[in-house]
Amino acid sequence: MTDAGPAAALVAALAERGETVAVAESLTGGLVVAELVGVPGASAVVRGGVVAYATPVKATVLGVDADLLAAHGAVDPEVARQMAAGVRIALAVDGVHATWGISTTGVAGPDPQDGKAVGTVFVGIADAAGAEAVELHLDGDRAAIRSAVVSELLTRLRSRLQSTE
């Protein structure tokens, strides 16, 4: 597991606000949700996670536009936005969407994908008002890139929460 600092801070902030998070992951393969549920009390705020590692799963489970995937591949900012928005809906409880949806898609290596270099990653953050994606360029081997994505995404959502307090 990566440093529990960002995960613990995020879980605490979500709990304090009475908000929830749902996670859609591709290149991180479940590491984000694992980091979150490693924090005591996470069950109060974490809805769950979807590992949409195969590109078609992004469309069938998360509602990512299949034409977008066909035209641009999975490593794309709009894919990250749609994954984050889609997981909020997919992991609704009693008809109530998760407050936040977060997502990861990108290239951890060892080879480029969809014309994108190793270390090119998009993370998505969505709430009821809409979704955004941030492009990251990370260095290191496959494990280092995946670990950095987890930390970066959790820190970014925590910062987003702080900006809306």
Protein backbone atom coordinates (compact mmCIF):
# COMPACT_ATOMS: atom_id res chain seq x y z
CA MET A 1 0.00 0.00 0.00
CA THR A 2 1.03 3.56 -0.53
CA ASP A 3 1.28 6.11 2.27
CA ALA A 4 -2.03 6.14 4.16
CA GLY A 5 -1.81 9.93 4.70
CA PRO A 6 -3.84 11.07 1.67
CA ALA A 7 -6.38 8.27 2.09
CA ALA A 8 -6.90 8.92 5.80
CA ALA A 9 -7.27 12.66 5.21
CA LEU A 10 -9.78 12.08 2.44
CA VAL A 11 -11.87 9.56 4.39
CA ALA A 12 -11.97 11.94 7.38
CA ALA A 13 -13.00 14.88 5.21
CA LEU A 14 -15.73 12.92 3.45
CA ALA A 15 -17.06 11.59 6.77
CA GLU A 16 -17.13 15.09 8.26
CA ARG A 17 -19.16 16.32 5.27
CA GLY A 18 -21.46 13.29 5.14
CA GLU A 19 -20.36 12.58 1.56
CA THR A 20 -19.50 9.42 -0.35
CA VAL A 21 -17.06 8.38 -3.05
CA ALA A 22 -17.15 5.75 -5.80
CA VAL A 23 -14.02 4.71 -7.68
CA ALA A 24 -13.51 3.67 -11.32
CA GLU A 25 -10.05 2.33 -12.08
CA SER A 26 -8.19 1.14 -15.10
CA LEU A 27 -4.39 1.28 -14.86
CA THR A 28 -4.45 1.24 -11.04
CA GLY A 29 -6.41 -2.02 -11.00
CA GLY A 30 -8.07 -1.53 -7.61
CA LEU A 31 -5.22 0.22 -5.79
CA VAL A 32 -7.22 3.41 -5.19
CA VAL A 33 -10.17 1.67 -3.54
CA ALA A 34 -7.78 -0.62 -1.62
CA GLU A 35 -5.99 2.42 -0.24
CA LEU A 36 -9.28 3.98 0.83
CA VAL A 37 -10.72 0.88 2.49
CA GLY A 38 -7.46 0.41 4.38
CA VAL A 39 -8.51 3.40 6.49
CA PRO A 40 -10.62 2.65 9.58
CA GLY A 41 -14.09 4.09 9.11
CA ALA A 42 -13.94 3.96 5.31
CA SER A 43 -17.17 1.96 5.14
CA ALA A 44 -19.09 5.12 6.03
CA VAL A 45 -17.92 6.94 2.88
CA VAL A 46 -16.64 4.47 0.27
CA ARG A 47 -19.36 3.07 -1.99
CA GLY A 48 -17.00 0.71 -3.78
CA GLY A 49 -14.92 0.42 -6.88
CA VAL A 50 -15.12 -0.81 -10.44
CA VAL A 51 -11.95 -2.08 -12.09
CA ALA A 52 -12.69 -1.48 -15.75
CA TYR A 53 -9.36 -2.75 -17.02
CA ALA A 54 -10.63 -3.97 -20.40
CA THR A 55 -11.66 -1.08 -22.61
CA PRO A 56 -15.15 -2.46 -23.45
CA VAL A 57 -15.99 -2.62 -19.73
CA LYS A 58 -15.61 1.14 -19.55
CA ALA A 59 -18.58 1.38 -21.92
CA THR A 60 -20.74 -1.49 -20.68
CA VAL A 61 -20.40 -0.91 -16.93
CA LEU A 62 -19.49 2.76 -16.58
CA GLY A 63 -21.35 4.22 -19.55
CA VAL A 64 -18.32 5.64 -21.34
CA ASP A 65 -19.26 6.46 -24.93
CA ALA A 66 -18.23 3.50 -27.12
CA ASP A 67 -17.60 5.77 -30.11
CA LEU A 68 -15.24 7.88 -28.00
CA LEU A 69 -13.34 4.76 -26.97
CA ALA A 70 -13.16 3.58 -30.59
CA ALA A 71 -11.94 6.96 -31.84
CA HIS A 72 -9.49 7.92 -29.08
CA GLY A 73 -8.79 4.79 -27.04
CA ALA A 74 -9.01 4.53 -23.27
CA VAL A 75 -6.19 6.98 -22.50
CA ASP A 76 -8.08 10.21 -22.97
CA PRO A 77 -9.33 13.03 -20.70
CA GLU A 78 -12.95 12.63 -21.78
CA VAL A 79 -12.77 8.91 -20.94
CA ALA A 80 -11.55 9.81 -17.43
CA ARG A 81 -14.41 12.31 -17.04
CA GLN A 82 -17.02 9.83 -18.22
CA MET A 83 -15.60 7.06 -16.01
CA ALA A 84 -15.81 9.32 -12.93
CA ALA A 85 -19.34 10.44 -13.78
CA GLY A 86 -20.44 6.92 -14.62
CA VAL A 87 -19.21 5.30 -11.41
CA ARG A 88 -21.22 7.79 -9.32
CA ILE A 89 -24.32 6.39 -11.00
CA ALA A 90 -23.24 2.75 -11.21
CA LEU A 91 -22.63 2.59 -7.46
CA ALA A 92 -25.82 4.36 -6.41
CA VAL A 93 -27.40 3.11 -3.19
CA ASP A 94 -31.19 3.22 -2.88
CA GLY A 95 -31.27 5.46 -5.95
CA VAL A 96 -28.82 7.98 -4.48
CA HIS A 97 -25.65 8.52 -6.48
CA ALA A 98 -22.29 8.75 -4.75
CA THR A 99 -21.36 12.35 -3.99
CA TRP A 100 -18.05 11.97 -5.77
CA GLY A 101 -16.79 9.74 -8.54
CA ILE A 102 -13.09 9.42 -9.19
CA SER A 103 -11.28 7.60 -11.96
CA THR A 104 -7.92 6.56 -13.36
CA THR A 105 -6.94 5.72 -16.92
CA GLY A 106 -3.53 5.80 -18.51
CA VAL A 107 -0.35 4.00 -19.42
CA ALA A 108 1.70 2.37 -16.67
CA GLY A 109 3.95 0.54 -19.11
CA PRO A 110 6.06 -1.13 -20.07
CA ASP A 111 4.87 -0.13 -23.57
CA PRO A 112 2.99 2.88 -24.97
CA GLN A 113 -0.78 2.50 -25.49
CA ASP A 114 -3.22 4.26 -27.81
CA GLY A 115 -0.34 6.41 -29.06
CA LYS A 116 0.35 7.68 -25.53
CA ALA A 117 3.71 7.43 -23.80
CA VAL A 118 4.31 5.44 -20.63
CA GLY A 119 3.47 7.67 -17.67
CA THR A 120 0.62 9.50 -19.43
CA VAL A 121 -2.34 9.32 -17.07
CA PHE A 122 -5.71 11.01 -16.75
CA VAL A 123 -7.54 11.17 -13.44
CA GLY A 124 -11.16 12.18 -13.28
CA ILE A 125 -13.20 13.78 -10.52
CA ALA A 126 -16.98 14.13 -10.80
CA ASP A 127 -19.78 15.44 -8.63
CA ALA A 128 -23.37 16.40 -9.36
CA ALA A 129 -22.20 19.62 -11.05
CA GLY A 130 -20.02 17.87 -13.62
CA ALA A 131 -16.70 16.17 -14.19
CA GLU A 132 -13.15 17.23 -14.85
CA ALA A 133 -9.98 15.43 -15.84
CA VAL A 134 -6.36 16.21 -15.12
CA GLU A 135 -3.48 14.98 -17.24
CA LEU A 136 -0.44 13.69 -15.40
CA HIS A 137 3.00 12.82 -16.75
CA LEU A 138 4.69 10.45 -14.34
CA ASP A 139 8.12 8.82 -14.32
CA GLY A 140 9.27 5.47 -13.06
CA ASP A 141 8.51 1.84 -13.57
CA ARG A 142 5.01 0.36 -13.70
CA ALA A 143 4.69 0.04 -9.92
CA ALA A 144 5.96 3.57 -9.27
CA ILE A 145 3.57 5.10 -11.80
CA ARG A 146 0.56 3.22 -10.40
CA SER A 147 1.48 4.20 -6.83
CA ALA A 148 1.93 7.85 -7.79
CA VAL A 149 -1.47 7.90 -9.48
CA VAL A 150 -3.17 6.70 -6.29
CA SER A 151 -1.54 9.37 -4.15
CA GLU A 152 -2.11 12.12 -6.71
CA LEU A 153 -5.81 11.33 -7.18
CA LEU A 154 -6.58 11.12 -3.46
CA THR A 155 -4.70 14.36 -2.82
CA ARG A 156 -6.53 16.11 -5.66
CA LEU A 157 -9.97 15.09 -4.38
CA ARG A 158 -9.03 16.20 -0.87
CA SER A 159 -7.92 19.57 -2.26
CA ARG A 160 -11.19 19.84 -4.14
CA LEU A 161 -13.09 19.26 -0.90
CA GLN A 162 -11.04 21.92 0.88
CA SER A 163 -11.82 24.42 -1.88
CA THR A 164 -15.57 23.92 -1.37
CA GLU A 165 -15.59 24.17 2.43
